[in-house]
PDB file of N, CA and C in Angstrom:
ATOM      1  N   UNK A   1     -36.660   0.553  -5.640  1.00  0.00           N
ATOM      2  CA  UNK A   1     -37.515   1.682  -5.347  1.00  0.00           C
ATOM      3  C   UNK A   1     -36.937   2.924  -6.021  1.00  0.00           C
ATOM      4  N   UNK A   2     -37.794   3.804  -6.442  1.00  0.00           N
ATOM      5  CA  UNK A   2     -37.323   5.052  -7.053  1.00  0.00           C
ATOM      6  C   UNK A   2     -36.502   5.883  -6.060  1.00  0.00           C
ATOM      7  N   UNK A   3     -35.621   6.702  -6.592  1.00  0.00           N
ATOM      8  CA  UNK A   3     -34.749   7.526  -5.748  1.00  0.00           C
ATOM      9  C   UNK A   3     -35.534   8.480  -4.861  1.00  0.00           C
ATOM     10  N   UNK A   4     -36.735   8.864  -5.277  1.00  0.00           N
ATOM     11  CA  UNK A   4     -37.503   9.812  -4.471  1.00  0.00           C
ATOM     12  C   UNK A   4     -38.488   9.118  -3.516  1.00  0.00           C
ATOM     13  N   UNK A   5     -38.272   7.841  -3.254  1.00  0.00           N
ATOM     14  CA  UNK A   5     -39.131   7.123  -2.311  1.00  0.00           C
ATOM     15  C   UNK A   5     -39.006   7.773  -0.933  1.00  0.00           C
ATOM     16  N   UNK A   6     -40.112   8.115  -0.311  1.00  0.00           N
ATOM     17  CA  UNK A   6     -40.025   8.780   0.998  1.00  0.00           C
ATOM     18  C   UNK A   6     -39.606   7.815   2.100  1.00  0.00           C
ATOM     19  N   UNK A   7     -39.075   8.372   3.146  1.00  0.00           N
ATOM     20  CA  UNK A   7     -38.738   7.604   4.340  1.00  0.00           C
ATOM     21  C   UNK A   7     -39.843   7.860   5.358  1.00  0.00           C
ATOM     22  N   UNK A   8     -40.367   6.789   5.940  1.00  0.00           N
ATOM     23  CA  UNK A   8     -41.460   6.889   6.899  1.00  0.00           C
ATOM     24  C   UNK A   8     -40.899   6.830   8.316  1.00  0.00           C
ATOM     25  N   UNK A   9     -41.288   7.794   9.129  1.00  0.00           N
ATOM     26  CA  UNK A   9     -40.893   7.856  10.538  1.00  0.00           C
ATOM     27  C   UNK A   9     -42.111   7.551  11.395  1.00  0.00           C
ATOM     28  N   UNK A  10     -41.990   6.557  12.254  1.00  0.00           N
ATOM     29  CA  UNK A  10     -43.051   6.193  13.192  1.00  0.00           C
ATOM     30  C   UNK A  10     -42.523   6.417  14.601  1.00  0.00           C
ATOM     31  N   UNK A  11     -43.248   7.118  15.425  1.00  0.00           N
ATOM     32  CA  UNK A  11     -42.863   7.330  16.812  1.00  0.00           C
ATOM     33  C   UNK A  11     -43.766   6.487  17.689  1.00  0.00           C
ATOM     34  N   UNK A  12     -43.161   5.717  18.593  1.00  0.00           N
ATOM     35  CA  UNK A  12     -43.964   4.846  19.445  1.00  0.00           C
ATOM     36  C   UNK A  12     -43.348   4.712  20.830  1.00  0.00           C
ATOM     37  N   UNK A  13     -44.212   4.716  21.817  1.00  0.00           N
ATOM     38  CA  UNK A  13     -43.800   4.414  23.183  1.00  0.00           C
ATOM     39  C   UNK A  13     -43.784   2.901  23.355  1.00  0.00           C
ATOM     40  N   UNK A  14     -42.975   2.433  24.282  1.00  0.00           N
ATOM     41  CA  UNK A  14     -43.055   1.034  24.681  1.00  0.00           C
ATOM     42  C   UNK A  14     -44.409   0.826  25.362  1.00  0.00           C
ATOM     43  N   UNK A  15     -45.003  -0.338  25.195  1.00  0.00           N
ATOM     44  CA  UNK A  15     -46.317  -0.577  25.797  1.00  0.00           C
ATOM     45  C   UNK A  15     -46.204  -0.911  27.290  1.00  0.00           C
ATOM     46  N   UNK A  16     -45.936   0.104  28.087  1.00  0.00           N
ATOM     47  CA  UNK A  16     -45.793  -0.074  29.535  1.00  0.00           C
ATOM     48  C   UNK A  16     -47.097   0.314  30.226  1.00  0.00           C
ATOM     49  N   UNK A  17     -47.551  -0.555  31.106  1.00  0.00           N
ATOM     50  CA  UNK A  17     -48.794  -0.307  31.832  1.00  0.00           C
ATOM     51  C   UNK A  17     -48.701   1.021  32.584  1.00  0.00           C
ATOM     52  N   UNK A  18     -49.721   1.840  32.419  1.00  0.00           N
ATOM     53  CA  UNK A  18     -49.773   3.127  33.076  1.00  0.00           C
ATOM     54  C   UNK A  18     -49.050   4.239  32.336  1.00  0.00           C
ATOM     55  N   UNK A  19     -48.402   3.906  31.202  1.00  0.00           N
ATOM     56  CA  UNK A  19     -47.657   4.917  30.455  1.00  0.00           C
ATOM     57  C   UNK A  19     -48.037   4.974  28.973  1.00  0.00           C
ATOM     58  N   UNK A  20     -48.828   4.044  28.510  1.00  0.00           N
ATOM     59  CA  UNK A  20     -49.232   4.016  27.099  1.00  0.00           C
ATOM     60  C   UNK A  20     -50.753   3.899  27.015  1.00  0.00           C
ATOM     61  N   UNK A  21     -51.337   4.718  26.155  1.00  0.00           N
ATOM     62  CA  UNK A  21     -52.790   4.737  25.938  1.00  0.00           C
ATOM     63  C   UNK A  21     -53.548   4.850  27.260  1.00  0.00           C
ATOM     64  N   UNK A  22     -53.104   5.791  28.085  1.00  0.00           N
ATOM     65  CA  UNK A  22     -53.678   5.935  29.428  1.00  0.00           C
ATOM     66  C   UNK A  22     -55.154   6.331  29.414  1.00  0.00           C
ATOM     67  N   UNK A  23     -55.616   6.960  28.332  1.00  0.00           N
ATOM     68  CA  UNK A  23     -57.045   7.312  28.275  1.00  0.00           C
ATOM     69  C   UNK A  23     -57.927   6.074  28.160  1.00  0.00           C
ATOM     70  N   UNK A  24     -57.341   4.954  27.785  1.00  0.00           N
ATOM     71  CA  UNK A  24     -58.106   3.706  27.712  1.00  0.00           C
ATOM     72  C   UNK A  24     -58.112   2.941  29.033  1.00  0.00           C
ATOM     73  N   UNK A  25     -57.327   3.409  30.003  1.00  0.00           N
ATOM     74  CA  UNK A  25     -57.217   2.704  31.279  1.00  0.00           C
ATOM     75  C   UNK A  25     -58.551   2.533  31.995  1.00  0.00           C
ATOM     76  N   UNK A  26     -59.435   3.539  32.041  1.00  0.00           N
ATOM     77  CA  UNK A  26     -60.716   3.308  32.727  1.00  0.00           C
ATOM     78  C   UNK A  26     -61.526   2.166  32.111  1.00  0.00           C
ATOM     79  N   UNK A  27     -61.396   1.972  30.840  1.00  0.00           N
ATOM     80  CA  UNK A  27     -62.157   0.933  30.147  1.00  0.00           C
ATOM     81  C   UNK A  27     -61.449  -0.423  30.180  1.00  0.00           C
ATOM     82  N   UNK A  28     -60.116  -0.415  29.983  1.00  0.00           N
ATOM     83  CA  UNK A  28     -59.368  -1.662  29.807  1.00  0.00           C
ATOM     84  C   UNK A  28     -58.445  -2.017  30.968  1.00  0.00           C
ATOM     85  N   UNK A  29     -58.228  -1.096  31.883  1.00  0.00           N
ATOM     86  CA  UNK A  29     -57.215  -1.282  32.914  1.00  0.00           C
ATOM     87  C   UNK A  29     -55.846  -0.945  32.329  1.00  0.00           C
ATOM     88  N   UNK A  30     -54.861  -0.749  33.195  1.00  0.00           N
ATOM     89  CA  UNK A  30     -53.526  -0.330  32.738  1.00  0.00           C
ATOM     90  C   UNK A  30     -52.880  -1.372  31.835  1.00  0.00           C
ATOM     91  N   UNK A  31     -52.959  -2.637  32.199  1.00  0.00           N
ATOM     92  CA  UNK A  31     -52.367  -3.701  31.364  1.00  0.00           C
ATOM     93  C   UNK A  31     -53.107  -3.827  30.039  1.00  0.00           C
ATOM     94  N   UNK A  32     -54.422  -3.747  30.090  1.00  0.00           N
ATOM     95  CA  UNK A  32     -55.209  -3.834  28.866  1.00  0.00           C
ATOM     96  C   UNK A  32     -54.914  -2.689  27.911  1.00  0.00           C
ATOM     97  N   UNK A  33     -54.741  -1.488  28.453  1.00  0.00           N
ATOM     98  CA  UNK A  33     -54.405  -0.338  27.614  1.00  0.00           C
ATOM     99  C   UNK A  33     -53.023  -0.515  26.990  1.00  0.00           C
ATOM    100  N   UNK A  34     -52.071  -1.030  27.770  1.00  0.00           N
ATOM    101  CA  UNK A  34     -50.728  -1.279  27.233  1.00  0.00           C
ATOM    102  C   UNK A  34     -50.776  -2.348  26.144  1.00  0.00           C
ATOM    103  N   UNK A  35     -51.567  -3.384  26.348  1.00  0.00           N
ATOM    104  CA  UNK A  35     -51.707  -4.430  25.328  1.00  0.00           C
ATOM    105  C   UNK A  35     -52.368  -3.887  24.064  1.00  0.00           C
ATOM    106  N   UNK A  36     -53.373  -3.033  24.239  1.00  0.00           N
ATOM    107  CA  UNK A  36     -54.016  -2.410  23.076  1.00  0.00           C
ATOM    108  C   UNK A  36     -53.005  -1.555  22.317  1.00  0.00           C
ATOM    109  N   UNK A  37     -52.182  -0.822  23.036  1.00  0.00           N
ATOM    110  CA  UNK A  37     -51.149   0.002  22.399  1.00  0.00           C
ATOM    111  C   UNK A  37     -50.192  -0.878  21.597  1.00  0.00           C
ATOM    112  N   UNK A  38     -49.769  -1.991  22.178  1.00  0.00           N
ATOM    113  CA  UNK A  38     -48.854  -2.894  21.469  1.00  0.00           C
ATOM    114  C   UNK A  38     -49.484  -3.384  20.170  1.00  0.00           C
ATOM    115  N   UNK A  39     -50.761  -3.724  20.209  1.00  0.00           N
ATOM    116  CA  UNK A  39     -51.436  -4.193  18.996  1.00  0.00           C
ATOM    117  C   UNK A  39     -51.548  -3.080  17.952  1.00  0.00           C
ATOM    118  N   UNK A  40     -51.808  -1.860  18.405  1.00  0.00           N
ATOM    119  CA  UNK A  40     -51.873  -0.729  17.473  1.00  0.00           C
ATOM    120  C   UNK A  40     -50.517  -0.492  16.804  1.00  0.00           C
ATOM    121  N   UNK A  41     -49.449  -0.586  17.566  1.00  0.00           N
ATOM    122  CA  UNK A  41     -48.105  -0.399  17.005  1.00  0.00           C
ATOM    123  C   UNK A  41     -47.809  -1.513  16.000  1.00  0.00           C
ATOM    124  N   UNK A  42     -48.113  -2.769  16.375  1.00  0.00           N
ATOM    125  CA  UNK A  42     -47.899  -3.894  15.441  1.00  0.00           C
ATOM    126  C   UNK A  42     -48.662  -3.665  14.137  1.00  0.00           C
ATOM    127  N   UNK A  43     -49.922  -3.273  14.259  1.00  0.00           N
ATOM    128  CA  UNK A  43     -50.769  -3.058  13.094  1.00  0.00           C
ATOM    129  C   UNK A  43     -50.205  -1.944  12.211  1.00  0.00           C
ATOM    130  N   UNK A  44     -49.777  -0.866  12.834  1.00  0.00           N
ATOM    131  CA  UNK A  44     -49.230   0.265  12.090  1.00  0.00           C
ATOM    132  C   UNK A  44     -47.962  -0.146  11.337  1.00  0.00           C
ATOM    133  N   UNK A  45     -47.057  -0.850  12.005  1.00  0.00           N
ATOM    134  CA  UNK A  45     -45.813  -1.277  11.357  1.00  0.00           C
ATOM    135  C   UNK A  45     -46.108  -2.269  10.231  1.00  0.00           C
ATOM    136  N   UNK A  46     -46.994  -3.208  10.469  1.00  0.00           N
ATOM    137  CA  UNK A  46     -47.337  -4.186   9.432  1.00  0.00           C
ATOM    138  C   UNK A  46     -47.902  -3.489   8.197  1.00  0.00           C
ATOM    139  N   UNK A  47     -48.798  -2.525   8.400  1.00  0.00           N
ATOM    140  CA  UNK A  47     -49.360  -1.793   7.257  1.00  0.00           C
ATOM    141  C   UNK A  47     -48.327  -0.933   6.567  1.00  0.00           C
ATOM    142  N   UNK A  48     -47.446  -0.319   7.335  1.00  0.00           N
ATOM    143  CA  UNK A  48     -46.388   0.493   6.734  1.00  0.00           C
ATOM    144  C   UNK A  48     -45.508  -0.367   5.833  1.00  0.00           C
ATOM    145  N   UNK A  49     -45.230  -1.589   6.273  1.00  0.00           N
ATOM    146  CA  UNK A  49     -44.369  -2.477   5.490  1.00  0.00           C
ATOM    147  C   UNK A  49     -45.060  -3.029   4.246  1.00  0.00           C
ATOM    148  N   UNK A  50     -46.367  -2.890   4.166  1.00  0.00           N
ATOM    149  CA  UNK A  50     -47.078  -3.232   2.936  1.00  0.00           C
ATOM    150  C   UNK A  50     -46.907  -2.123   1.903  1.00  0.00           C
ATOM    151  N   UNK A  51     -46.671  -0.906   2.385  1.00  0.00           N
ATOM    152  CA  UNK A  51     -46.569   0.243   1.492  1.00  0.00           C
ATOM    153  C   UNK A  51     -45.135   0.564   1.085  1.00  0.00           C
ATOM    154  N   UNK A  52     -44.189   0.290   1.973  1.00  0.00           N
ATOM    155  CA  UNK A  52     -42.788   0.640   1.728  1.00  0.00           C
ATOM    156  C   UNK A  52     -41.884  -0.501   2.174  1.00  0.00           C
ATOM    157  N   UNK A  53     -40.734  -0.657   1.554  1.00  0.00           N
ATOM    158  CA  UNK A  53     -39.762  -1.629   2.066  1.00  0.00           C
ATOM    159  C   UNK A  53     -39.298  -1.205   3.464  1.00  0.00           C
ATOM    160  N   UNK A  54     -38.983  -2.167   4.295  1.00  0.00           N
ATOM    161  CA  UNK A  54     -38.592  -1.891   5.679  1.00  0.00           C
ATOM    162  C   UNK A  54     -37.406  -0.942   5.780  1.00  0.00           C
ATOM    163  N   UNK A  55     -36.520  -0.944   4.795  1.00  0.00           N
ATOM    164  CA  UNK A  55     -35.372  -0.049   4.812  1.00  0.00           C
ATOM    165  C   UNK A  55     -35.741   1.414   4.703  1.00  0.00           C
ATOM    166  N   UNK A  56     -36.997   1.694   4.397  1.00  0.00           N
ATOM    167  CA  UNK A  56     -37.489   3.071   4.296  1.00  0.00           C
ATOM    168  C   UNK A  56     -38.352   3.449   5.499  1.00  0.00           C
ATOM    169  N   UNK A  57     -38.277   2.644   6.553  1.00  0.00           N
ATOM    170  CA  UNK A  57     -39.114   2.878   7.732  1.00  0.00           C
ATOM    171  C   UNK A  57     -38.238   2.867   8.986  1.00  0.00           C
ATOM    172  N   UNK A  58     -38.370   3.915   9.794  1.00  0.00           N
ATOM    173  CA  UNK A  58     -37.701   3.953  11.098  1.00  0.00           C
ATOM    174  C   UNK A  58     -38.763   4.039  12.178  1.00  0.00           C
ATOM    175  N   UNK A  59     -38.666   3.140  13.146  1.00  0.00           N
ATOM    176  CA  UNK A  59     -39.526   3.166  14.321  1.00  0.00           C
ATOM    177  C   UNK A  59     -38.722   3.816  15.444  1.00  0.00           C
ATOM    178  N   UNK A  60     -39.134   5.015  15.816  1.00  0.00           N
ATOM    179  CA  UNK A  60     -38.475   5.779  16.873  1.00  0.00           C
ATOM    180  C   UNK A  60     -39.106   5.375  18.192  1.00  0.00           C
ATOM    181  N   UNK A  61     -38.317   4.807  19.083  1.00  0.00           N
ATOM    182  CA  UNK A  61     -38.819   4.217  20.315  1.00  0.00           C
ATOM    183  C   UNK A  61     -38.702   5.168  21.502  1.00  0.00           C
ATOM    184  N   UNK A  62     -39.601   4.999  22.450  1.00  0.00           N
ATOM    185  CA  UNK A  62     -39.579   5.821  23.666  1.00  0.00           C
ATOM    186  C   UNK A  62     -39.900   4.961  24.883  1.00  0.00           C
ATOM    187  N   UNK A  63     -39.521   5.459  26.022  1.00  0.00           N
ATOM    188  CA  UNK A  63     -39.702   4.896  27.355  1.00  0.00           C
ATOM    189  C   UNK A  63     -38.719   3.754  27.637  1.00  0.00           C
ATOM    190  N   UNK A  64     -38.839   2.657  26.940  1.00  0.00           N
ATOM    191  CA  UNK A  64     -37.954   1.506  27.170  1.00  0.00           C
ATOM    192  C   UNK A  64     -37.505   1.004  25.800  1.00  0.00           C
ATOM    193  N   UNK A  65     -36.356   1.501  25.357  1.00  0.00           N
ATOM    194  CA  UNK A  65     -35.901   1.245  23.989  1.00  0.00           C
ATOM    195  C   UNK A  65     -35.612  -0.222  23.700  1.00  0.00           C
ATOM    196  N   UNK A  66     -35.363  -1.000  24.729  1.00  0.00           N
ATOM    197  CA  UNK A  66     -35.064  -2.424  24.534  1.00  0.00           C
ATOM    198  C   UNK A  66     -36.286  -3.303  24.792  1.00  0.00           C
ATOM    199  N   UNK A  67     -37.457  -2.709  24.790  1.00  0.00           N
ATOM    200  CA  UNK A  67     -38.685  -3.480  25.034  1.00  0.00           C
ATOM    201  C   UNK A  67     -38.810  -4.595  23.989  1.00  0.00           C
ATOM    202  N   UNK A  68     -39.258  -5.772  24.404  1.00  0.00           N
ATOM    203  CA  UNK A  68     -39.397  -6.899  23.465  1.00  0.00           C
ATOM    204  C   UNK A  68     -40.266  -6.598  22.239  1.00  0.00           C
ATOM    205  N   UNK A  69     -41.263  -5.727  22.364  1.00  0.00           N
ATOM    206  CA  UNK A  69     -42.089  -5.383  21.204  1.00  0.00           C
ATOM    207  C   UNK A  69     -41.224  -4.803  20.092  1.00  0.00           C
ATOM    208  N   UNK A  70     -40.316  -3.915  20.429  1.00  0.00           N
ATOM    209  CA  UNK A  70     -39.489  -3.279  19.413  1.00  0.00           C
ATOM    210  C   UNK A  70     -38.556  -4.296  18.744  1.00  0.00           C
ATOM    211  N   UNK A  71     -37.988  -5.187  19.544  1.00  0.00           N
ATOM    212  CA  UNK A  71     -37.145  -6.254  18.969  1.00  0.00           C
ATOM    213  C   UNK A  71     -37.963  -7.144  18.048  1.00  0.00           C
ATOM    214  N   UNK A  72     -39.168  -7.478  18.465  1.00  0.00           N
ATOM    215  CA  UNK A  72     -40.073  -8.306  17.656  1.00  0.00           C
ATOM    216  C   UNK A  72     -40.341  -7.652  16.297  1.00  0.00           C
ATOM    217  N   UNK A  73     -40.647  -6.364  16.315  1.00  0.00           N
ATOM    218  CA  UNK A  73     -40.967  -5.669  15.067  1.00  0.00           C
ATOM    219  C   UNK A  73     -39.746  -5.562  14.157  1.00  0.00           C
ATOM    220  N   UNK A  74     -38.597  -5.356  14.741  1.00  0.00           N
ATOM    221  CA  UNK A  74     -37.363  -5.319  13.948  1.00  0.00           C
ATOM    222  C   UNK A  74     -37.095  -6.690  13.316  1.00  0.00           C
ATOM    223  N   UNK A  75     -37.236  -7.742  14.104  1.00  0.00           N
ATOM    224  CA  UNK A  75     -36.983  -9.095  13.603  1.00  0.00           C
ATOM    225  C   UNK A  75     -38.033  -9.532  12.584  1.00  0.00           C
ATOM    226  N   UNK A  76     -39.306  -9.259  12.862  1.00  0.00           N
ATOM    227  CA  UNK A  76     -40.382  -9.710  11.978  1.00  0.00           C
ATOM    228  C   UNK A  76     -40.470  -8.920  10.678  1.00  0.00           C
ATOM    229  N   UNK A  77     -40.193  -7.623  10.743  1.00  0.00           N
ATOM    230  CA  UNK A  77     -40.402  -6.773   9.573  1.00  0.00           C
ATOM    231  C   UNK A  77     -39.131  -6.143   9.024  1.00  0.00           C
ATOM    232  N   UNK A  78     -38.088  -6.078   9.828  1.00  0.00           N
ATOM    233  CA  UNK A  78     -36.838  -5.482   9.369  1.00  0.00           C
ATOM    234  C   UNK A  78     -36.789  -3.977   9.442  1.00  0.00           C
ATOM    235  N   UNK A  79     -37.760  -3.348  10.128  1.00  0.00           N
ATOM    236  CA  UNK A  79     -37.732  -1.893  10.256  1.00  0.00           C
ATOM    237  C   UNK A  79     -36.535  -1.477  11.097  1.00  0.00           C
ATOM    238  N   UNK A  80     -36.048  -0.283  10.831  1.00  0.00           N
ATOM    239  CA  UNK A  80     -34.949   0.261  11.607  1.00  0.00           C
ATOM    240  C   UNK A  80     -35.495   0.804  12.924  1.00  0.00           C
ATOM    241  N   UNK A  81     -34.717   0.656  13.986  1.00  0.00           N
ATOM    242  CA  UNK A  81     -35.090   1.178  15.295  1.00  0.00           C
ATOM    243  C   UNK A  81     -34.132   2.294  15.677  1.00  0.00           C
ATOM    244  N   UNK A  82     -34.665   3.319  16.327  1.00  0.00           N
ATOM    245  CA  UNK A  82     -33.841   4.414  16.827  1.00  0.00           C
ATOM    246  C   UNK A  82     -34.523   4.979  18.065  1.00  0.00           C
ATOM    247  N   UNK A  83     -33.752   5.327  19.080  1.00  0.00           N
ATOM    248  CA  UNK A  83     -34.365   5.906  20.279  1.00  0.00           C
ATOM    249  C   UNK A  83     -34.779   7.353  20.051  1.00  0.00           C
ATOM    250  N   UNK A  84     -35.967   7.693  20.540  1.00  0.00           N
ATOM    251  CA  UNK A  84     -36.398   9.089  20.498  1.00  0.00           C
ATOM    252  C   UNK A  84     -35.551   9.874  21.503  1.00  0.00           C
ATOM    253  N   UNK A  85     -35.141  11.078  21.154  1.00  0.00           N
ATOM    254  CA  UNK A  85     -34.413  11.894  22.126  1.00  0.00           C
ATOM    255  C   UNK A  85     -35.375  12.456  23.170  1.00  0.00           C
ATOM    256  N   UNK A  86     -34.824  13.009  24.226  1.00  0.00           N
ATOM    257  CA  UNK A  86     -35.633  13.693  25.239  1.00  0.00           C
ATOM    258  C   UNK A  86     -36.230  14.952  24.611  1.00  0.00           C
ATOM    259  N   UNK A  87     -37.272  15.452  25.210  1.00  0.00           N
ATOM    260  CA  UNK A  87     -37.872  16.698  24.742  1.00  0.00           C
ATOM    261  C   UNK A  87     -39.335  16.516  24.416  1.00  0.00           C
ATOM    262  N   UNK A  88     -39.945  17.609  24.009  1.00  0.00           N
ATOM    263  CA  UNK A  88     -41.358  17.551  23.664  1.00  0.00           C
ATOM    264  C   UNK A  88     -41.522  16.915  22.281  1.00  0.00           C
ATOM    265  N   UNK A  89     -42.751  16.696  21.883  1.00  0.00           N
ATOM    266  CA  UNK A  89     -43.019  16.028  20.610  1.00  0.00           C
ATOM    267  C   UNK A  89     -42.389  16.770  19.443  1.00  0.00           C
ATOM    268  N   UNK A  90     -42.475  18.079  19.438  1.00  0.00           N
ATOM    269  CA  UNK A  90     -41.870  18.861  18.360  1.00  0.00           C
ATOM    270  C   UNK A  90     -40.371  18.651  18.281  1.00  0.00           C
ATOM    271  N   UNK A  91     -39.699  18.631  19.433  1.00  0.00           N
ATOM    272  CA  UNK A  91     -38.256  18.390  19.472  1.00  0.00           C
ATOM    273  C   UNK A  91     -37.921  17.007  18.918  1.00  0.00           C
ATOM    274  N   UNK A  92     -38.708  16.015  19.290  1.00  0.00           N
ATOM    275  CA  UNK A  92     -38.438  14.643  18.846  1.00  0.00           C
ATOM    276  C   UNK A  92     -38.665  14.498  17.352  1.00  0.00           C
ATOM    277  N   UNK A  93     -39.701  15.140  16.834  1.00  0.00           N
ATOM    278  CA  UNK A  93     -39.967  15.082  15.392  1.00  0.00           C
ATOM    279  C   UNK A  93     -38.864  15.803  14.625  1.00  0.00           C
ATOM    280  N   UNK A  94     -38.457  16.980  15.108  1.00  0.00           N
ATOM    281  CA  UNK A  94     -37.371  17.706  14.430  1.00  0.00           C
ATOM    282  C   UNK A  94     -36.089  16.875  14.394  1.00  0.00           C
ATOM    283  N   UNK A  95     -35.784  16.190  15.474  1.00  0.00           N
ATOM    284  CA  UNK A  95     -34.591  15.348  15.517  1.00  0.00           C
ATOM    285  C   UNK A  95     -34.680  14.232  14.470  1.00  0.00           C
ATOM    286  N   UNK A  96     -35.790  13.534  14.459  1.00  0.00           N
ATOM    287  CA  UNK A  96     -35.964  12.449  13.489  1.00  0.00           C
ATOM    288  C   UNK A  96     -35.918  12.991  12.065  1.00  0.00           C
ATOM    289  N   UNK A  97     -36.549  14.115  11.850  1.00  0.00           N
ATOM    290  CA  UNK A  97     -36.596  14.748  10.526  1.00  0.00           C
ATOM    291  C   UNK A  97     -35.181  15.051  10.023  1.00  0.00           C
ATOM    292  N   UNK A  98     -34.314  15.478  10.931  1.00  0.00           N
ATOM    293  CA  UNK A  98     -32.951  15.861  10.557  1.00  0.00           C
ATOM    294  C   UNK A  98     -32.063  14.669  10.213  1.00  0.00           C
ATOM    295  N   UNK A  99     -32.514  13.455  10.523  1.00  0.00           N
ATOM    296  CA  UNK A  99     -31.674  12.283  10.276  1.00  0.00           C
ATOM    297  C   UNK A  99     -31.723  11.803   8.837  1.00  0.00           C
ATOM    298  N   UNK A 100     -32.662  12.282   8.064  1.00  0.00           N
ATOM    299  CA  UNK A 100     -32.831  11.829   6.675  1.00  0.00           C
ATOM    300  C   UNK A 100     -32.925  13.010   5.747  1.00  0.00           C
ATOM    301  N   UNK A 101     -32.424  12.820   4.566  1.00  0.00           N
ATOM    302  CA  UNK A 101     -32.598  13.813   3.511  1.00  0.00           C
ATOM    303  C   UNK A 101     -33.706  13.323   2.592  1.00  0.00           C
ATOM    304  N   UNK A 102     -34.188  14.200   1.773  1.00  0.00           N
ATOM    305  CA  UNK A 102     -35.213  13.802   0.814  1.00  0.00           C
ATOM    306  C   UNK A 102     -36.602  13.831   1.417  1.00  0.00           C
ATOM    307  N   UNK A 103     -37.489  13.108   0.760  1.00  0.00           N
ATOM    308  CA  UNK A 103     -38.898  13.090   1.173  1.00  0.00           C
ATOM    309  C   UNK A 103     -39.061  12.263   2.443  1.00  0.00           C
ATOM    310  N   UNK A 104     -39.897  12.771   3.342  1.00  0.00           N
ATOM    311  CA  UNK A 104     -40.163  12.086   4.597  1.00  0.00           C
ATOM    312  C   UNK A 104     -41.660  12.072   4.860  1.00  0.00           C
ATOM    313  N   UNK A 105     -42.112  11.006   5.459  1.00  0.00           N
ATOM    314  CA  UNK A 105     -43.511  10.874   5.876  1.00  0.00           C
ATOM    315  C   UNK A 105     -43.544  10.628   7.373  1.00  0.00           C
ATOM    316  N   UNK A 106     -44.641  11.026   7.991  1.00  0.00           N
ATOM    317  CA  UNK A 106     -44.835  10.817   9.422  1.00  0.00           C
ATOM    318  C   UNK A 106     -46.153  10.106   9.630  1.00  0.00           C
ATOM    319  N   UNK A 107     -46.209   9.280  10.636  1.00  0.00           N
ATOM    320  CA  UNK A 107     -47.462   8.625  10.994  1.00  0.00           C
ATOM    321  C   UNK A 107     -47.632   8.700  12.501  1.00  0.00           C
ATOM    322  N   UNK A 108     -48.850   8.872  12.913  1.00  0.00           N
ATOM    323  CA  UNK A 108     -49.190   8.910  14.319  1.00  0.00           C
ATOM    324  C   UNK A 108     -50.504   8.159  14.454  1.00  0.00           C
ATOM    325  N   UNK A 109     -50.759   7.623  15.595  1.00  0.00           N
ATOM    326  CA  UNK A 109     -52.023   6.933  15.793  1.00  0.00           C
ATOM    327  C   UNK A 109     -52.538   7.271  17.176  1.00  0.00           C
ATOM    328  N   UNK A 110     -53.843   7.386  17.250  1.00  0.00           N
ATOM    329  CA  UNK A 110     -54.522   7.660  18.509  1.00  0.00           C
ATOM    330  C   UNK A 110     -55.794   6.837  18.522  1.00  0.00           C
ATOM    331  N   UNK A 111     -56.190   6.351  19.691  1.00  0.00           N
ATOM    332  CA  UNK A 111     -57.453   5.609  19.737  1.00  0.00           C
ATOM    333  C   UNK A 111     -58.612   6.544  19.435  1.00  0.00           C
ATOM    334  N   UNK A 112     -59.662   6.021  18.854  1.00  0.00           N
ATOM    335  CA  UNK A 112     -60.844   6.868  18.611  1.00  0.00           C
ATOM    336  C   UNK A 112     -61.443   7.322  19.935  1.00  0.00           C
ATOM    337  N   UNK A 113     -62.151   8.406  19.900  1.00  0.00           N
ATOM    338  CA  UNK A 113     -62.872   8.864  21.088  1.00  0.00           C
ATOM    339  C   UNK A 113     -63.988   7.857  21.363  1.00  0.00           C
ATOM    340  N   UNK A 114     -64.008   7.359  22.568  1.00  0.00           N
ATOM    341  CA  UNK A 114     -65.022   6.378  22.937  1.00  0.00           C
ATOM    342  C   UNK A 114     -66.134   7.066  23.707  1.00  0.00           C
ATOM    343  N   UNK A 115     -67.377   6.756  23.376  1.00  0.00           N
ATOM    344  CA  UNK A 115     -68.465   7.372  24.134  1.00  0.00           C
ATOM    345  C   UNK A 115     -68.418   6.915  25.595  1.00  0.00           C
ATOM    346  N   UNK A 116     -68.851   7.781  26.490  1.00  0.00           N
ATOM    347  CA  UNK A 116     -68.798   7.480  27.921  1.00  0.00           C
ATOM    348  C   UNK A 116     -69.557   6.224  28.319  1.00  0.00           C
ATOM    349  N   UNK A 117     -70.544   5.824  27.523  1.00  0.00           N
ATOM    350  CA  UNK A 117     -71.363   4.650  27.858  1.00  0.00           C
ATOM    351  C   UNK A 117     -70.669   3.345  27.539  1.00  0.00           C
ATOM    352  N   UNK A 118     -69.567   3.386  26.832  1.00  0.00           N
ATOM    353  CA  UNK A 118     -68.903   2.129  26.446  1.00  0.00           C
ATOM    354  C   UNK A 118     -68.187   1.537  27.614  1.00  0.00           C
TER     355      UNK A 118
END
């Protein structure tokens, strides 16, 4: 890879029922929302690894850093794992940003707004 290849930072919560994708809970239930979150994280990491080598990707984990999903993604794709520090989103992004020099990319994902009739 060229020397100016950016490093991609992904921030993700562990898919814990009642703590991940809570806006989907009325539609999917707490477990269903957590499962949907896990699939979104898997999809995001898989796509990121199509664009960059895993050594250029860090998955910053939150809530339960030893969650099996994070181990799975590290084993399957080779992405680096790091725990998110405490603080608000800005604090966590600044911390991750400070860990790398050079070009950096960020990715975030949110479920689409679902109409009330769904």
